[in-house]
Amino acid sequence: MVLENVSKKFGEFRLNNISFKVSKGEYFVVLGPSGAGKTLLLQVIAGIITPDSGRILIDGVDSTRLPPEKRNVGYVPQNYALFPHLSVYDNIAFGLKIRKARREHISDKVREVSEKLGISHLLDRKVKSLSGGEAQRVALARALVVEPKILLLDEPLAAVDPVLRWSLRDYLREIHRMFKATVIHVTHDFTEAISLADRIAVLNNGSIEQIGTPQDVFYRPKSEFVAWFTRTENIYRGYAEPVGSGLSRVRVGSLEFTVCGEYRGWVVVSFRPEYVVVSRHKIRTSARNVIEGVLTDYMDEGALVLLKVMVNEKMVKAYITRSSFSEMKLRSGEKVYLYIKASQIHVIE
């Protein structure tokens, strides 16, 4: 599927020249905050809303003006949109009935998909009696039973509790493999995106900020927004100058970083907190950035502890394991040393 410069004005909001290609069998995640235009983009792809300009190609066919039923896409909205007055069976069969499939074919397909998704025991139940996880599986079955060329998922894990979310994330990965589906999944959750996606498009205020693999997006952000939204945590504006040997020095107030590459002028530098090594005493290291600071606060995040270290009026954040935190016996107000390799500091020009 290909989107070419797709734009749509919707009230005061606008999708701006959205272009990307999704390969057959790819799991493509559109990641962005609330209000970025993710749902509107899915509705345009599904044919629910017609774009003002641009083209949508599905299997090489211009589908820009085709109605939803002619596009052969499966769409699972955020609230699942199941019909409460129908049984689970009739909900799943709905798309096939609209397409006027034979009764025997409908029965065979509904039971086949239901068995694959592990919900065949629910077929006679009413929708209102389903749990959140069961409702999601029924909605997925309804979308998959018509054998869509593309499966569109709108925040599929947003309406379930955190414990169930983990199991359903694994379930979506399994469905992708089982059905060899081409999936476009939108979410605001970067951990969801990195665990599921082959590639990610970051959407902000109706525009694409970056498209790439999870590693590209999370470790090599192309904009300050992408770095911030993916919780890079350490983001600073500074002035860069080359210092030789393929390195540059970036001054951020009274704080300095040595980075790989030759840069001159104002830049943004970013590095993830898991890249920072922490010690109570100065140690010998190959890291070019050795910074002394004061631990001002810390946050327990389960297996990891996020440290907040003040360095020359700038806050630097670092992750250490819970066991390391206990062994080091760190306390707020104590001096610590931070070590960051030049190669692990990303520069955004």
Protein backbone atom coordinates (compact mmCIF):
# COMPACT_ATOMS: atom_id res chain seq x y z
CA MET A 1 0.00 0.00 0.00
CA VAL A 2 1.23 3.48 -0.90
CA LEU A 3 0.15 6.91 0.30
CA GLU A 4 1.23 9.79 -1.94
CA ASN A 5 1.00 13.32 -0.51
CA VAL A 6 -2.33 12.66 1.21
CA SER A 7 -3.86 15.76 2.83
CA LYS A 8 -7.16 16.31 4.61
CA LYS A 9 -8.56 19.34 6.44
CA PHE A 10 -10.92 18.32 9.21
CA GLY A 11 -12.26 21.29 11.13
CA GLU A 12 -9.24 23.23 12.36
CA PHE A 13 -6.99 20.19 11.96
CA ARG A 14 -5.09 19.13 8.85
CA LEU A 15 -3.20 16.05 7.69
CA ASN A 16 -0.24 17.43 5.73
CA ASN A 17 1.11 15.63 2.66
CA ILE A 18 1.36 12.18 4.24
CA SER A 19 3.50 9.83 2.17
CA PHE A 20 4.69 6.32 3.00
CA LYS A 21 4.74 2.78 1.61
CA VAL A 22 3.76 -0.34 3.54
CA SER A 23 5.10 -3.61 2.15
CA LYS A 24 3.07 -6.81 1.98
CA GLY A 25 3.21 -8.63 5.31
CA GLU A 26 4.74 -5.66 7.15
CA TYR A 27 3.69 -4.57 10.64
CA PHE A 28 3.70 -0.77 10.31
CA VAL A 29 3.02 1.37 13.39
CA VAL A 30 1.97 5.03 13.30
CA LEU A 31 3.13 6.52 16.61
CA GLY A 32 2.07 9.90 17.94
CA PRO A 33 0.43 11.82 20.78
CA SER A 34 -3.29 12.41 21.19
CA GLY A 35 -4.48 14.89 18.58
CA ALA A 36 -1.70 14.06 16.11
CA GLY A 37 -4.17 12.80 13.48
CA LYS A 38 -3.67 9.05 13.84
CA THR A 39 -7.36 8.06 13.78
CA LEU A 40 -8.11 10.48 10.94
CA LEU A 41 -5.28 8.94 8.92
CA LEU A 42 -6.68 5.42 9.46
CA GLN A 43 -10.17 6.56 8.45
CA VAL A 44 -8.76 8.06 5.26
CA ILE A 45 -6.97 4.79 4.45
CA ALA A 46 -10.13 2.81 5.24
CA GLY A 47 -12.24 5.01 2.94
CA ILE A 48 -14.48 6.33 5.71
CA ILE A 49 -13.18 9.83 4.97
CA THR A 50 -12.07 11.04 1.53
CA PRO A 51 -8.82 13.04 1.35
CA ASP A 52 -8.73 16.53 -0.14
CA SER A 53 -5.66 15.68 -2.20
CA GLY A 54 -3.15 12.92 -2.79
CA ARG A 55 -3.53 9.26 -3.72
CA ILE A 56 -3.95 5.94 -1.92
CA LEU A 57 -2.79 2.87 -3.84
CA ILE A 58 -3.72 -0.62 -2.65
CA ASP A 59 -2.02 -3.41 -4.61
CA GLY A 60 -1.16 -0.82 -7.25
CA VAL A 61 -4.81 0.22 -7.73
CA ASP A 62 -5.81 3.83 -7.10
CA SER A 63 -8.30 3.43 -4.26
CA THR A 64 -8.52 7.08 -3.24
CA ARG A 65 -12.19 7.44 -4.12
CA LEU A 66 -13.30 3.85 -3.53
CA PRO A 67 -15.87 3.24 -0.74
CA PRO A 68 -14.73 1.13 2.25
CA GLU A 69 -16.41 -2.08 1.05
CA LYS A 70 -14.49 -1.92 -2.25
CA ARG A 71 -11.04 -1.56 -0.67
CA ASN A 72 -10.78 -4.95 1.02
CA VAL A 73 -9.32 -3.55 4.23
CA GLY A 74 -10.21 -4.65 7.75
CA TYR A 75 -10.70 -1.82 10.24
CA VAL A 76 -10.82 -2.26 14.02
CA PRO A 77 -11.76 1.08 15.64
CA GLN A 78 -10.63 1.97 19.14
CA ASN A 79 -14.00 1.15 20.73
CA TYR A 80 -14.29 -2.02 18.57
CA ALA A 81 -17.77 -0.91 17.29
CA LEU A 82 -19.36 -4.32 17.86
CA PHE A 83 -23.12 -4.60 17.42
CA PRO A 84 -24.58 -5.17 20.92
CA HIS A 85 -27.87 -6.64 19.61
CA LEU A 86 -26.08 -9.37 17.63
CA SER A 87 -24.35 -12.53 18.79
CA VAL A 88 -20.60 -12.97 18.50
CA TYR A 89 -21.18 -15.21 15.47
CA ASP A 90 -23.29 -12.59 13.69
CA ASN A 91 -20.80 -9.84 14.51
CA ILE A 92 -17.97 -11.82 12.95
CA ALA A 93 -20.10 -12.80 9.95
CA PHE A 94 -21.28 -9.24 9.28
CA GLY A 95 -18.69 -8.34 6.63
CA LEU A 96 -19.26 -11.57 4.72
CA LYS A 97 -23.02 -11.03 4.75
CA ILE A 98 -22.57 -7.51 3.38
CA ARG A 99 -20.51 -9.06 0.57
CA LYS A 100 -23.38 -11.53 -0.05
CA ALA A 101 -21.23 -14.61 0.56
CA ARG A 102 -22.93 -18.01 0.58
CA ARG A 103 -24.24 -19.20 3.96
CA GLU A 104 -21.99 -22.28 3.95
CA HIS A 105 -18.94 -20.14 3.17
CA ILE A 106 -19.84 -17.71 5.96
CA SER A 107 -20.20 -20.53 8.48
CA ASP A 108 -16.91 -22.13 7.45
CA LYS A 109 -14.95 -18.86 7.55
CA VAL A 110 -16.39 -17.71 10.89
CA ARG A 111 -15.54 -21.02 12.54
CA GLU A 112 -12.09 -21.16 10.94
CA VAL A 113 -11.10 -17.66 12.13
CA SER A 114 -12.73 -18.17 15.54
CA GLU A 115 -10.72 -21.33 16.12
CA LYS A 116 -7.47 -19.61 15.13
CA LEU A 117 -8.20 -16.74 17.53
CA GLY A 118 -9.35 -19.05 20.32
CA ILE A 119 -12.90 -17.67 20.56
CA SER A 120 -15.01 -20.47 19.05
CA HIS A 121 -16.56 -21.06 22.48
CA LEU A 122 -17.96 -17.50 22.41
CA LEU A 123 -19.90 -17.69 19.13
CA ASP A 124 -23.34 -17.99 20.75
CA ARG A 125 -22.70 -15.29 23.35
CA LYS A 126 -24.06 -11.74 23.26
CA VAL A 127 -21.47 -9.02 22.83
CA LYS A 128 -22.45 -7.20 26.02
CA SER A 129 -21.37 -10.23 28.09
CA LEU A 130 -17.79 -10.16 26.79
CA SER A 131 -14.72 -9.02 28.70
CA GLY A 132 -12.42 -6.38 27.19
CA GLY A 133 -9.99 -8.97 25.88
CA GLU A 134 -12.77 -11.12 24.43
CA ALA A 135 -14.36 -8.10 22.72
CA GLN A 136 -11.03 -7.22 21.13
CA ARG A 137 -10.62 -10.74 19.75
CA VAL A 138 -14.14 -10.67 18.31
CA ALA A 139 -13.42 -7.32 16.64
CA LEU A 140 -10.20 -8.73 15.19
CA ALA A 141 -12.06 -11.82 13.95
CA ARG A 142 -14.68 -9.64 12.24
CA ALA A 143 -11.91 -7.73 10.45
CA LEU A 144 -9.89 -10.83 9.50
CA VAL A 145 -12.74 -13.04 8.31
CA VAL A 146 -13.06 -11.11 5.04
CA GLU A 147 -9.36 -11.81 4.30
CA PRO A 148 -8.41 -8.13 4.01
CA LYS A 149 -5.35 -7.00 2.12
CA ILE A 150 -4.61 -4.61 4.99
CA LEU A 151 -5.62 -4.74 8.66
CA LEU A 152 -6.07 -1.31 10.28
CA LEU A 153 -5.88 -1.18 14.10
CA ASP A 154 -6.81 2.02 15.97
CA GLU A 155 -5.21 2.00 19.45
CA PRO A 156 -6.13 -1.70 19.90
CA LEU A 157 -4.63 -1.94 23.39
CA ALA A 158 -5.79 1.40 24.81
CA ALA A 159 -9.06 0.14 26.31
CA VAL A 160 -7.65 -2.78 28.31
CA ASP A 161 -5.95 -2.89 31.71
CA PRO A 162 -2.12 -2.97 31.91
CA VAL A 163 -1.85 -6.66 32.78
CA LEU A 164 -4.06 -7.72 29.87
CA ARG A 165 -2.24 -5.30 27.58
CA TRP A 166 0.96 -7.35 27.77
CA SER A 167 -0.74 -10.60 26.79
CA LEU A 168 -2.72 -8.92 24.00
CA ARG A 169 0.49 -7.41 22.63
CA ASP A 170 1.90 -10.93 22.28
CA TYR A 171 -1.43 -11.98 20.77
CA LEU A 172 -1.22 -9.30 18.06
CA ARG A 173 2.28 -10.45 17.17
CA GLU A 174 1.01 -14.03 16.92
CA ILE A 175 -1.94 -12.97 14.72
CA HIS A 176 0.42 -11.13 12.40
CA ARG A 177 2.48 -14.29 11.93
CA MET A 178 -0.53 -16.62 11.73
CA PHE A 179 -2.44 -14.67 9.09
CA LYS A 180 0.64 -13.19 7.34
CA ALA A 181 -1.30 -9.93 7.54
CA THR A 182 -0.23 -6.49 6.41
CA VAL A 183 -0.96 -4.34 9.47
CA ILE A 184 -1.17 -0.59 10.05
CA HIS A 185 -1.46 -0.04 13.80
CA VAL A 186 -1.75 3.41 15.41
CA THR A 187 -0.80 4.09 19.02
CA HIS A 188 0.50 6.72 21.43
CA ASP A 189 2.51 4.12 23.38
CA PHE A 190 6.17 3.96 22.31
CA THR A 191 6.79 0.65 24.13
CA GLU A 192 3.91 -0.87 22.17
CA ALA A 193 5.39 0.44 18.93
CA ILE A 194 8.91 -0.83 19.55
CA SER A 195 7.70 -4.32 20.53
CA LEU A 196 5.44 -4.82 17.49
CA ALA A 197 6.66 -2.75 14.56
CA ASP A 198 8.82 -3.65 11.60
CA ARG A 199 8.84 0.10 10.90
CA ILE A 200 7.44 3.15 12.67
CA ALA A 201 6.12 6.47 11.36
CA VAL A 202 6.08 9.24 13.97
CA LEU A 203 3.11 11.57 13.44
CA ASN A 204 2.98 15.01 15.05
CA ASN A 205 0.32 17.64 14.44
CA GLY A 206 -0.73 16.09 11.13
CA SER A 207 2.77 15.66 9.69
CA ILE A 208 5.23 12.78 9.53
CA GLU A 209 8.37 13.58 11.55
CA GLN A 210 10.28 10.36 10.85
CA ILE A 211 9.88 6.90 9.31
CA GLY A 212 12.27 4.09 10.13
CA THR A 213 12.93 0.91 12.02
CA PRO A 214 12.35 0.96 15.79
CA GLN A 215 16.13 1.25 16.22
CA ASP A 216 16.27 4.27 13.88
CA VAL A 217 13.40 6.07 15.59
CA PHE A 218 14.39 5.38 19.19
CA TYR A 219 18.16 5.68 18.96
CA ARG A 220 18.62 8.03 15.99
CA PRO A 221 15.71 10.51 16.18
CA LYS A 222 15.58 13.01 13.32
CA SER A 223 13.88 15.78 15.29
CA GLU A 224 13.74 17.12 18.81
CA PHE A 225 10.07 16.12 18.98
CA VAL A 226 10.84 12.48 18.12
CA ALA A 227 13.58 12.40 20.77
CA TRP A 228 11.20 13.85 23.37
CA PHE A 229 8.22 11.65 22.50
CA THR A 230 10.25 8.44 22.62
CA ARG A 231 11.52 9.38 26.11
CA THR A 232 15.12 9.99 25.20
CA GLU A 233 15.07 12.07 28.43
CA ASN A 234 18.43 13.80 27.88
CA ILE A 235 17.94 16.47 25.20
CA TYR A 236 19.98 19.67 25.04
CA ARG A 237 20.52 22.58 22.66
CA GLY A 238 24.12 23.65 22.30
CA TYR A 239 26.79 25.09 20.04
CA ALA A 240 29.06 22.63 18.23
CA GLU A 241 32.64 23.03 17.00
CA PRO A 242 34.97 20.44 15.42
CA VAL A 243 37.94 19.41 17.59
CA GLY A 244 39.68 17.04 15.16
CA SER A 245 39.88 13.25 14.79
CA GLY A 246 36.29 13.21 13.54
CA LEU A 247 34.93 14.60 16.80
CA SER A 248 33.12 17.76 17.88
CA ARG A 249 32.56 19.50 21.18
CA VAL A 250 29.06 20.73 22.00
CA ARG A 251 28.71 23.43 24.65
CA VAL A 252 25.44 23.42 26.55
CA GLY A 253 25.88 26.37 28.89
CA SER A 254 28.71 25.35 31.21
CA LEU A 255 28.24 21.67 30.30
CA GLU A 256 30.24 20.14 27.43
CA PHE A 257 29.78 16.95 25.42
CA THR A 258 32.19 15.30 22.98
CA VAL A 259 30.33 13.72 20.06
CA CYS A 260 31.24 11.75 16.95
CA GLY A 261 31.18 13.67 13.66
CA GLU A 262 32.17 17.17 12.63
CA TYR A 263 29.57 19.83 13.37
CA ARG A 264 29.62 23.59 13.54
CA GLY A 265 26.76 25.74 14.75
CA TRP A 266 23.68 25.24 16.88
CA VAL A 267 22.56 21.63 17.26
CA VAL A 268 20.47 19.42 19.52
CA VAL A 269 22.22 16.54 21.27
CA SER A 270 20.35 13.63 22.81
CA PHE A 271 21.18 10.38 24.55
CA ARG A 272 19.06 7.79 26.27
CA PRO A 273 19.36 7.34 30.06
CA GLU A 274 20.28 3.67 29.63
CA TYR A 275 23.48 4.79 27.84
CA VAL A 276 24.80 6.54 30.97
CA VAL A 277 27.15 4.60 33.27
CA VAL A 278 27.06 5.74 36.91
CA SER A 279 29.66 5.34 39.66
CA ARG A 280 30.26 6.78 43.13
CA HIS A 281 33.99 7.23 42.43
CA LYS A 282 35.95 8.17 39.35
CA ILE A 283 37.00 5.13 37.32
CA ARG A 284 39.26 4.50 34.31
CA THR A 285 37.17 4.33 31.16
CA SER A 286 37.31 4.79 27.40
CA ALA A 287 34.24 7.05 27.52
CA ARG A 288 35.10 10.56 26.31
CA ASN A 289 32.42 12.19 28.44
CA VAL A 290 33.11 12.00 32.18
CA ILE A 291 30.78 14.26 34.15
CA GLU A 292 30.62 14.99 37.85
CA GLY A 293 27.23 15.81 39.32
CA VAL A 294 24.97 15.61 42.34
CA LEU A 295 22.16 13.08 42.67
CA THR A 296 19.06 15.16 43.38
CA ASP A 297 16.30 12.56 43.06
CA TYR A 298 15.52 9.06 41.86
CA MET A 299 12.45 7.17 40.69
CA ASP A 300 11.87 3.47 41.22
CA GLU A 301 10.56 1.94 37.97
CA GLY A 302 10.62 -1.71 38.99
CA ALA A 303 13.67 -3.49 37.61
CA LEU A 304 15.31 -0.12 36.88
CA VAL A 305 15.84 3.06 38.87
CA LEU A 306 15.88 6.43 37.08
CA LEU A 307 18.47 8.78 38.58
CA LYS A 308 18.24 12.56 38.26
CA VAL A 309 21.67 14.15 38.46
CA MET A 310 22.29 17.91 38.49
CA VAL A 311 25.35 18.93 36.47
CA ASN A 312 26.15 22.65 36.26
CA GLU A 313 22.46 23.60 36.43
CA LYS A 314 21.53 20.98 33.81
CA MET A 315 19.64 17.80 34.65
CA VAL A 316 21.06 14.51 33.34
CA LYS A 317 19.02 11.32 33.73
CA ALA A 318 20.45 7.81 33.95
CA TYR A 319 19.04 4.32 34.37
CA ILE A 320 20.70 1.76 36.62
CA THR A 321 19.45 -1.63 37.72
CA ARG A 322 17.72 -1.96 41.06
CA SER A 323 20.51 -4.28 42.27
CA SER A 324 23.19 -1.71 41.30
CA PHE A 325 21.25 1.01 43.09
CA SER A 326 21.15 -1.11 46.26
CA GLU A 327 24.84 -2.07 46.04
CA MET A 328 25.95 1.54 45.51
CA LYS A 329 23.75 2.74 48.40
CA LEU A 330 23.04 5.99 46.60
CA ARG A 331 21.32 8.83 48.43
CA SER A 332 20.05 12.21 47.28
CA GLY A 333 22.64 14.98 47.70
CA GLU A 334 25.62 12.71 47.04
CA LYS A 335 28.25 13.25 44.34
CA VAL A 336 28.28 10.78 41.44
CA TYR A 337 30.19 10.38 38.18
CA LEU A 338 28.51 9.86 34.82
CA TYR A 339 30.17 8.28 31.78
CA ILE A 340 28.79 8.59 28.24
CA LYS A 341 30.53 7.37 25.09
CA ALA A 342 30.78 9.91 22.28
CA SER A 343 29.26 7.36 19.89
CA GLN A 344 26.13 7.12 22.04
CA ILE A 345 25.31 10.81 21.87
CA HIS A 346 23.08 11.56 18.90
CA VAL A 347 23.27 14.91 17.12
CA ILE A 348 20.23 16.51 15.48
CA GLU A 349 21.18 19.40 13.18
